[in-house]
């Protein structure tokens, strides 16, 4: 069992997960026609990954969001070949996807010091260009953070996600008795006493029809894509958005959440998931929890209660189901331990898959190296 008595949470205000910026390569330097001198090439603009960088820091440091490389040096008598203009490097976090204005992916930055060229400098003046320099490439690019957290909290509004977050992390998120308290992702870290850190994103409350962009819609579902694992949070007493909408039991809530994920992108259902059943401190909760467990263990027996278009093609299997109370703290330590255990297990599985792949590549390359050379083609003599 992992002890996590020293767990705390760091909250990041005004979290930013994408940024649109202008880039331009430097103009080339002037050529020297009389002596055939070439101007220097303009500098290039690169996007470079740094571990301790955030998109918010980038925006705060460069509010104009314009990145222009240096101009190439002009050719002159003392230096006929002009020097290259200074490159411009844009520092971004690891895990960034870079796309152009049309949404075409230019590249991804998955580890520290990965770099992508986004705007090339113009050529310096030379004979080919009549000794006149060329302007650098101009491009508006979009930076998207692919992974925002290890764990993403998923649930309808008022399921108790913000209360749970304050329990597992000692944070103080805004909590109120109305829907959509969380309008932007709250990102923070659970810190364990052996210095292990697990990042958690409290995402805006999902509603039925989110896949059609109702409520926070696609923005919410895009955030879910960017977490390693999901933690479903449901109210054991069910959920009703307003007096005009239908009441849903805890089981119906889970099925509808799964369906919303499926309608947006089926791959989301393949993410490892845990389930926290909240408000277990209230009277009657235990009886409802036993009913819920029976329904989750035998879901096909209860799917006739749903309209056909509300039933997911495949149900999700939860790694662990943990009854909790975000109010009293019941089950919170177990939940934190299960979160860590689940992440560790899947990290090990990913490592195994990676090593097997590497071994297979090695075996294939050895087979190719040691295979006999192909027989020579028969030589036909000319008639």
Protein backbone atom coordinates (compact mmCIF):
# COMPACT_ATOMS: atom_id res chain seq x y z
CA UNK A 1 0.00 0.00 0.00
CA UNK A 2 1.28 3.47 -0.90
CA UNK A 3 1.22 6.03 1.92
CA UNK A 4 0.14 9.45 0.73
CA UNK A 5 -0.44 11.43 3.90
CA UNK A 6 1.71 14.24 2.55
CA UNK A 7 -0.36 14.77 -0.55
CA UNK A 8 -1.03 18.33 -1.63
CA UNK A 9 -2.18 20.14 -4.72
CA UNK A 10 -0.86 23.01 -6.80
CA UNK A 11 -3.42 24.98 -8.76
CA UNK A 12 -2.57 26.70 -12.02
CA UNK A 13 -4.68 29.81 -12.67
CA UNK A 14 -5.90 30.72 -16.17
CA UNK A 15 -4.84 27.43 -17.67
CA UNK A 16 -4.10 27.64 -21.43
CA UNK A 17 -3.99 24.57 -23.66
CA UNK A 18 -3.66 26.18 -27.10
CA UNK A 19 -2.15 29.31 -28.62
CA UNK A 20 -2.19 30.91 -32.07
CA UNK A 21 1.00 32.76 -33.03
CA UNK A 22 2.52 34.60 -35.99
CA UNK A 23 5.97 33.54 -37.27
CA UNK A 24 8.21 34.98 -39.99
CA UNK A 25 11.64 33.97 -41.19
CA UNK A 26 14.24 36.72 -41.57
CA UNK A 27 14.76 38.54 -44.86
CA UNK A 28 18.03 37.72 -46.68
CA UNK A 29 20.90 40.22 -46.91
CA UNK A 30 21.66 42.36 -49.98
CA UNK A 31 24.11 41.00 -52.55
CA UNK A 32 27.10 42.96 -53.93
CA UNK A 33 26.65 42.99 -57.74
CA UNK A 34 30.01 44.61 -58.62
CA UNK A 35 32.04 41.94 -56.82
CA UNK A 36 29.54 39.06 -57.05
CA UNK A 37 29.05 39.01 -53.29
CA UNK A 38 26.16 37.02 -51.73
CA UNK A 39 23.96 38.33 -48.95
CA UNK A 40 23.44 36.16 -45.88
CA UNK A 41 20.36 33.94 -45.59
CA UNK A 42 17.65 35.17 -43.21
CA UNK A 43 17.29 33.44 -39.84
CA UNK A 44 14.79 30.58 -39.34
CA UNK A 45 11.99 30.29 -36.76
CA UNK A 46 11.98 27.10 -34.68
CA UNK A 47 9.55 25.76 -32.08
CA UNK A 48 11.61 24.06 -29.32
CA UNK A 49 10.31 21.89 -26.44
CA UNK A 50 11.33 22.72 -22.85
CA UNK A 51 10.29 20.71 -19.78
CA UNK A 52 9.52 23.61 -17.46
CA UNK A 53 7.60 25.73 -19.94
CA UNK A 54 3.84 26.34 -20.18
CA UNK A 55 1.76 28.01 -22.88
CA UNK A 56 0.64 30.56 -20.28
CA UNK A 57 4.29 31.52 -19.61
CA UNK A 58 4.84 31.86 -23.36
CA UNK A 59 1.79 34.11 -23.73
CA UNK A 60 2.74 36.22 -20.70
CA UNK A 61 6.33 36.67 -21.92
CA UNK A 62 5.35 37.44 -25.54
CA UNK A 63 1.89 39.07 -25.37
CA UNK A 64 2.10 40.17 -29.04
CA UNK A 65 2.55 36.49 -30.06
CA UNK A 66 4.81 37.53 -32.97
CA UNK A 67 8.10 35.74 -33.62
CA UNK A 68 10.39 37.11 -36.32
CA UNK A 69 13.93 35.84 -37.05
CA UNK A 70 16.91 38.12 -37.77
CA UNK A 71 17.83 39.47 -41.21
CA UNK A 72 20.83 38.10 -43.12
CA UNK A 73 23.89 40.40 -43.27
CA UNK A 74 24.50 42.40 -46.46
CA UNK A 75 27.48 41.48 -48.63
CA UNK A 76 30.27 44.04 -48.39
CA UNK A 77 33.87 44.46 -49.49
CA UNK A 78 35.29 43.18 -46.19
CA UNK A 79 32.88 40.18 -46.11
CA UNK A 80 31.58 39.27 -49.57
CA UNK A 81 29.60 36.33 -48.12
CA UNK A 82 27.10 37.85 -45.68
CA UNK A 83 26.49 35.98 -42.42
CA UNK A 84 23.18 34.21 -41.69
CA UNK A 85 20.51 36.06 -39.72
CA UNK A 86 19.86 35.06 -36.10
CA UNK A 87 17.41 32.18 -35.66
CA UNK A 88 14.35 32.72 -33.48
CA UNK A 89 13.45 29.92 -31.02
CA UNK A 90 9.96 29.71 -29.53
CA UNK A 91 10.05 27.86 -26.18
CA UNK A 92 7.03 25.57 -25.70
CA UNK A 93 6.10 22.74 -23.29
CA UNK A 94 6.82 19.10 -24.10
CA UNK A 95 3.76 17.40 -25.65
CA UNK A 96 2.85 20.08 -28.18
CA UNK A 97 1.25 19.49 -31.56
CA UNK A 98 2.02 22.20 -34.14
CA UNK A 99 -0.51 22.82 -36.93
CA UNK A 100 -0.85 25.42 -39.68
CA UNK A 101 -3.89 27.67 -40.19
CA UNK A 102 -5.67 24.95 -42.19
CA UNK A 103 -5.28 22.40 -39.39
CA UNK A 104 -2.54 20.42 -41.15
CA UNK A 105 -0.09 18.93 -38.64
CA UNK A 106 3.43 20.33 -39.12
CA UNK A 107 4.90 18.15 -36.38
CA UNK A 108 4.85 17.10 -32.72
CA UNK A 109 7.28 17.79 -29.87
CA UNK A 110 7.30 14.78 -27.56
CA UNK A 111 10.54 15.18 -25.62
CA UNK A 112 12.81 17.94 -24.34
CA UNK A 113 14.81 19.78 -27.02
CA UNK A 114 12.67 18.38 -29.87
CA UNK A 115 12.45 21.11 -32.50
CA UNK A 116 10.37 21.91 -35.58
CA UNK A 117 11.14 24.45 -38.31
CA UNK A 118 8.03 26.60 -38.82
CA UNK A 119 9.27 29.56 -40.91
CA UNK A 120 12.37 29.50 -43.09
CA UNK A 121 14.55 32.55 -43.70
CA UNK A 122 14.75 34.13 -47.15
CA UNK A 123 17.77 33.68 -49.44
CA UNK A 124 20.40 36.38 -49.55
CA UNK A 125 20.90 38.40 -52.75
CA UNK A 126 22.97 36.52 -55.35
CA UNK A 127 23.37 36.29 -59.11
CA UNK A 128 20.27 34.05 -59.34
CA UNK A 129 18.09 36.73 -57.68
CA UNK A 130 19.76 39.69 -59.40
CA UNK A 131 21.55 40.26 -56.05
CA UNK A 132 18.25 41.21 -54.40
CA UNK A 133 17.32 39.42 -51.14
CA UNK A 134 14.19 37.30 -50.69
CA UNK A 135 11.75 37.72 -47.83
CA UNK A 136 11.40 34.99 -45.21
CA UNK A 137 8.47 32.57 -45.02
CA UNK A 138 5.39 33.84 -43.13
CA UNK A 139 3.16 31.45 -41.25
CA UNK A 140 0.46 31.59 -38.58
CA UNK A 141 0.68 28.44 -36.48
CA UNK A 142 -1.34 26.89 -33.70
CA UNK A 143 0.23 25.22 -30.66
CA UNK A 144 -1.95 22.56 -29.03
CA UNK A 145 -1.07 20.78 -25.80
CA UNK A 146 -1.70 17.07 -26.43
CA UNK A 147 -1.54 15.84 -22.84
CA UNK A 148 -2.76 18.08 -20.05
CA UNK A 149 -2.86 15.62 -17.13
CA UNK A 150 -2.40 12.04 -15.96
CA UNK A 151 -5.99 11.86 -14.69
CA UNK A 152 -9.08 13.60 -16.05
CA UNK A 153 -12.18 13.85 -13.84
CA UNK A 154 -15.32 12.99 -15.84
CA UNK A 155 -18.86 13.53 -14.61
CA UNK A 156 -22.08 15.46 -14.99
CA UNK A 157 -22.29 18.82 -13.16
CA UNK A 158 -22.74 18.58 -9.37
CA UNK A 159 -21.35 15.03 -9.22
CA UNK A 160 -18.93 16.43 -6.63
CA UNK A 161 -15.78 16.66 -8.77
CA UNK A 162 -14.66 19.98 -7.26
CA UNK A 163 -15.33 18.72 -3.73
CA UNK A 164 -13.41 15.53 -4.50
CA UNK A 165 -10.51 17.56 -5.88
CA UNK A 166 -10.30 19.58 -2.67
CA UNK A 167 -10.22 16.30 -0.71
CA UNK A 168 -7.54 14.48 -2.69
CA UNK A 169 -5.41 17.57 -2.99
CA UNK A 170 -6.26 20.10 -0.27
CA UNK A 171 -7.10 22.59 -3.04
CA UNK A 172 -9.86 25.15 -2.63
CA UNK A 173 -11.72 25.17 -5.97
CA UNK A 174 -14.97 27.14 -6.25
CA UNK A 175 -17.84 24.90 -5.10
CA UNK A 176 -21.51 25.87 -5.37
CA UNK A 177 -24.86 24.11 -5.52
CA UNK A 178 -25.56 24.81 -9.19
CA UNK A 179 -24.46 23.35 -12.50
CA UNK A 180 -21.26 24.37 -14.28
CA UNK A 181 -19.22 25.65 -11.33
CA UNK A 182 -16.09 24.61 -13.25
CA UNK A 183 -16.02 26.45 -16.57
CA UNK A 184 -12.31 25.98 -17.34
CA UNK A 185 -10.06 23.03 -16.60
CA UNK A 186 -8.46 23.28 -13.16
CA UNK A 187 -5.05 21.66 -13.38
CA UNK A 188 -3.05 20.59 -10.36
CA UNK A 189 -0.81 17.92 -8.89
CA UNK A 190 -1.18 15.30 -6.19
CA UNK A 191 2.19 15.12 -4.45
CA UNK A 192 3.05 11.87 -2.65
CA UNK A 193 5.53 11.76 0.23
CA UNK A 194 8.06 9.80 -1.87
CA UNK A 195 8.03 12.77 -4.32
CA UNK A 196 5.83 11.02 -6.87
CA UNK A 197 3.56 13.54 -8.62
CA UNK A 198 0.30 12.82 -10.41
CA UNK A 199 -1.42 15.59 -12.33
CA UNK A 200 -5.20 15.85 -12.20
CA UNK A 201 -7.47 17.91 -14.47
CA UNK A 202 -10.89 18.86 -13.11
CA UNK A 203 -12.75 19.31 -16.38
CA UNK A 204 -15.96 21.29 -16.99
CA UNK A 205 -19.10 19.27 -16.21
CA UNK A 206 -20.34 17.18 -19.12
CA UNK A 207 -24.00 17.20 -20.13
CA UNK A 208 -26.09 14.97 -22.37
CA UNK A 209 -25.58 16.02 -25.98
CA UNK A 210 -22.02 17.26 -25.42
CA UNK A 211 -20.88 15.42 -28.56
CA UNK A 212 -23.20 17.77 -30.51
CA UNK A 213 -21.43 20.72 -28.86
CA UNK A 214 -24.13 21.48 -26.29
CA UNK A 215 -22.79 23.18 -23.17
CA UNK A 216 -18.99 23.00 -23.05
CA UNK A 217 -19.30 20.28 -25.69
CA UNK A 218 -16.29 19.57 -27.83
CA UNK A 219 -13.98 21.70 -25.70
CA UNK A 220 -14.62 19.39 -22.75
CA UNK A 221 -14.26 16.23 -24.84
CA UNK A 222 -11.03 17.54 -26.38
CA UNK A 223 -9.62 17.93 -22.85
CA UNK A 224 -10.55 14.31 -22.03
CA UNK A 225 -8.51 13.14 -25.04
CA UNK A 226 -5.48 14.75 -23.43
CA UNK A 227 -5.39 12.72 -20.23
CA UNK A 228 -3.77 9.31 -19.69
CA UNK A 229 -6.63 7.87 -17.65
CA UNK A 230 -10.18 8.81 -16.70
CA UNK A 231 -11.72 9.02 -13.25
CA UNK A 232 -15.52 8.92 -13.52
CA UNK A 233 -17.23 10.68 -10.61
CA UNK A 234 -20.94 9.96 -10.09
CA UNK A 235 -23.47 10.87 -7.45
CA UNK A 236 -24.92 7.68 -5.91
CA UNK A 237 -28.31 9.43 -5.84
CA UNK A 238 -28.25 10.18 -9.56
CA UNK A 239 -28.43 13.46 -11.43
CA UNK A 240 -30.92 15.96 -12.80
CA UNK A 241 -29.61 19.06 -14.62
CA UNK A 242 -32.80 21.08 -14.08
CA UNK A 243 -36.52 20.64 -13.42
CA UNK A 244 -37.05 20.55 -17.22
CA UNK A 245 -34.67 17.60 -17.76
CA UNK A 246 -35.08 13.92 -16.93
CA UNK A 247 -33.77 12.48 -13.66
CA UNK A 248 -31.02 9.86 -14.16
CA UNK A 249 -29.96 7.17 -11.68
CA UNK A 250 -26.26 6.59 -10.95
CA UNK A 251 -26.22 3.62 -13.37
CA UNK A 252 -27.96 5.65 -16.11
CA UNK A 253 -25.48 8.47 -15.52
CA UNK A 254 -22.52 6.12 -16.09
CA UNK A 255 -24.05 4.67 -19.28
CA UNK A 256 -24.81 8.17 -20.63
CA UNK A 257 -21.29 9.40 -19.87
CA UNK A 258 -19.84 6.40 -21.74
CA UNK A 259 -22.21 7.07 -24.66
CA UNK A 260 -21.15 10.73 -24.88
CA UNK A 261 -17.49 9.67 -25.06
CA UNK A 262 -18.31 7.09 -27.74
CA UNK A 263 -20.27 9.55 -29.90
CA UNK A 264 -17.39 12.02 -29.81
CA UNK A 265 -14.57 9.51 -30.39
CA UNK A 266 -14.75 5.77 -29.79
CA UNK A 267 -11.05 5.55 -28.84
CA UNK A 268 -11.86 7.43 -25.60
CA UNK A 269 -13.64 4.29 -24.35
CA UNK A 270 -10.35 2.40 -24.54
CA UNK A 271 -8.68 4.68 -22.01
CA UNK A 272 -8.11 3.05 -18.60
CA UNK A 273 -10.81 4.28 -16.22
CA UNK A 274 -11.65 4.25 -12.53
CA UNK A 275 -15.03 4.99 -10.96
CA UNK A 276 -15.55 7.03 -7.78
CA UNK A 277 -19.10 6.76 -6.41
CA UNK A 278 -19.65 9.92 -4.36
CA UNK A 279 -21.96 11.04 -1.49
CA UNK A 280 -21.75 7.70 0.32
CA UNK A 281 -22.14 9.49 3.69
CA UNK A 282 -25.85 10.22 3.05
CA UNK A 283 -28.70 8.00 4.37
CA UNK A 284 -29.70 5.20 2.00
CA UNK A 285 -26.41 5.41 0.04
CA UNK A 286 -25.25 1.88 0.96
CA UNK A 287 -28.41 0.23 -0.41
CA UNK A 288 -28.14 2.22 -3.64
CA UNK A 289 -24.46 1.28 -3.95
CA UNK A 290 -25.27 -2.47 -3.73
CA UNK A 291 -27.89 -2.01 -6.49
CA UNK A 292 -25.37 -0.06 -8.62
CA UNK A 293 -22.70 -2.75 -8.24
CA UNK A 294 -25.21 -5.41 -9.33
CA UNK A 295 -26.11 -3.30 -12.38
CA UNK A 296 -22.46 -2.72 -13.30
CA UNK A 297 -21.66 -6.43 -12.96
CA UNK A 298 -24.66 -7.40 -15.15
CA UNK A 299 -25.17 -4.37 -17.42
CA UNK A 300 -26.97 -6.26 -20.23
CA UNK A 301 -29.84 -7.12 -17.87
CA UNK A 302 -30.63 -3.41 -17.47
CA UNK A 303 -29.96 -1.94 -20.91
CA UNK A 304 -33.62 -2.47 -21.88
CA UNK A 305 -34.36 0.53 -19.63
CA UNK A 306 -32.65 2.82 -22.18
CA UNK A 307 -33.72 4.07 -25.58
CA UNK A 308 -31.76 2.24 -28.30
CA UNK A 309 -29.76 5.34 -29.35
CA UNK A 310 -28.56 5.85 -25.76
CA UNK A 311 -26.90 2.43 -25.40
CA UNK A 312 -23.12 2.40 -26.00
CA UNK A 313 -21.73 -0.15 -28.50
CA UNK A 314 -19.34 -1.35 -25.82
CA UNK A 315 -19.35 -0.77 -22.07
CA UNK A 316 -16.26 0.37 -20.22
CA UNK A 317 -14.60 -1.85 -17.66
CA UNK A 318 -13.49 0.13 -14.64
CA UNK A 319 -10.11 -0.83 -13.17
CA UNK A 320 -11.45 -0.08 -9.68
CA UNK A 321 -14.78 1.10 -8.25
CA UNK A 322 -14.34 3.10 -5.05
CA UNK A 323 -17.19 4.32 -2.82
CA UNK A 324 -16.28 7.74 -1.39
CA UNK A 325 -17.57 10.81 0.36
CA UNK A 326 -15.94 14.05 -0.72
CA UNK A 327 -17.60 15.69 2.31
CA UNK A 328 -16.34 13.39 5.10
CA UNK A 329 -13.20 12.04 3.39
CA UNK A 330 -14.44 8.44 3.43
CA UNK A 331 -12.57 6.31 0.85
CA UNK A 332 -10.27 9.16 -0.25
CA UNK A 333 -6.99 7.47 0.76
CA UNK A 334 -8.03 4.28 -1.06
CA UNK A 335 -8.89 6.32 -4.14
CA UNK A 336 -5.49 8.03 -4.16
CA UNK A 337 -3.75 4.67 -3.83
CA UNK A 338 -5.80 3.17 -6.67
CA UNK A 339 -5.07 6.17 -8.92
CA UNK A 340 -1.36 5.64 -8.42
CA UNK A 341 -1.56 1.85 -8.75
CA UNK A 342 -3.51 2.10 -12.02
CA UNK A 343 -1.09 4.61 -13.56
CA UNK A 344 1.92 2.50 -12.52
CA UNK A 345 0.39 -0.70 -13.94
CA UNK A 346 -0.30 0.91 -17.31
CA UNK A 347 3.11 2.59 -17.44
CA UNK A 348 4.67 -0.89 -16.98
CA UNK A 349 2.43 -2.32 -19.73
CA UNK A 350 3.45 0.50 -22.10
CA UNK A 351 7.11 -0.19 -21.28
CA UNK A 352 6.64 -3.92 -22.02
CA UNK A 353 4.97 -3.15 -25.36
CA UNK A 354 7.78 -0.73 -26.26
CA UNK A 355 10.52 -3.25 -25.37
CA UNK A 356 8.78 -6.06 -27.31
CA UNK A 357 8.54 -3.74 -30.33
CA UNK A 358 12.23 -2.86 -30.06
CA UNK A 359 13.14 -6.57 -29.78
CA UNK A 360 11.01 -7.41 -32.83
CA UNK A 361 12.69 -4.63 -34.85
CA UNK A 362 16.09 -6.01 -33.79
CA UNK A 363 15.13 -9.56 -34.81
CA UNK A 364 13.85 -8.33 -38.19
CA UNK A 365 17.04 -6.33 -38.84
CA UNK A 366 19.19 -9.37 -37.88
CA UNK A 367 17.16 -11.64 -40.20
CA UNK A 368 17.68 -9.20 -43.06
CA UNK A 369 21.42 -8.90 -42.27
CA UNK A 370 22.07 -12.63 -42.16
CA UNK A 371 19.80 -13.77 -45.00
CA UNK A 372 21.47 -15.17 -48.11
CA UNK A 373 22.04 -12.75 -50.97
CA UNK A 374 19.45 -13.11 -53.76
CA UNK A 375 20.48 -15.31 -56.70
CA UNK A 376 22.06 -13.48 -59.59
CA UNK A 377 19.86 -12.81 -62.60
CA UNK A 378 20.68 -15.06 -65.53
CA UNK A 379 22.91 -13.31 -68.07
CA UNK A 380 21.72 -13.56 -71.62
CA UNK A 381 24.37 -13.41 -74.30
CA UNK A 382 23.71 -11.17 -77.26
CA UNK A 383 22.86 -12.92 -80.43
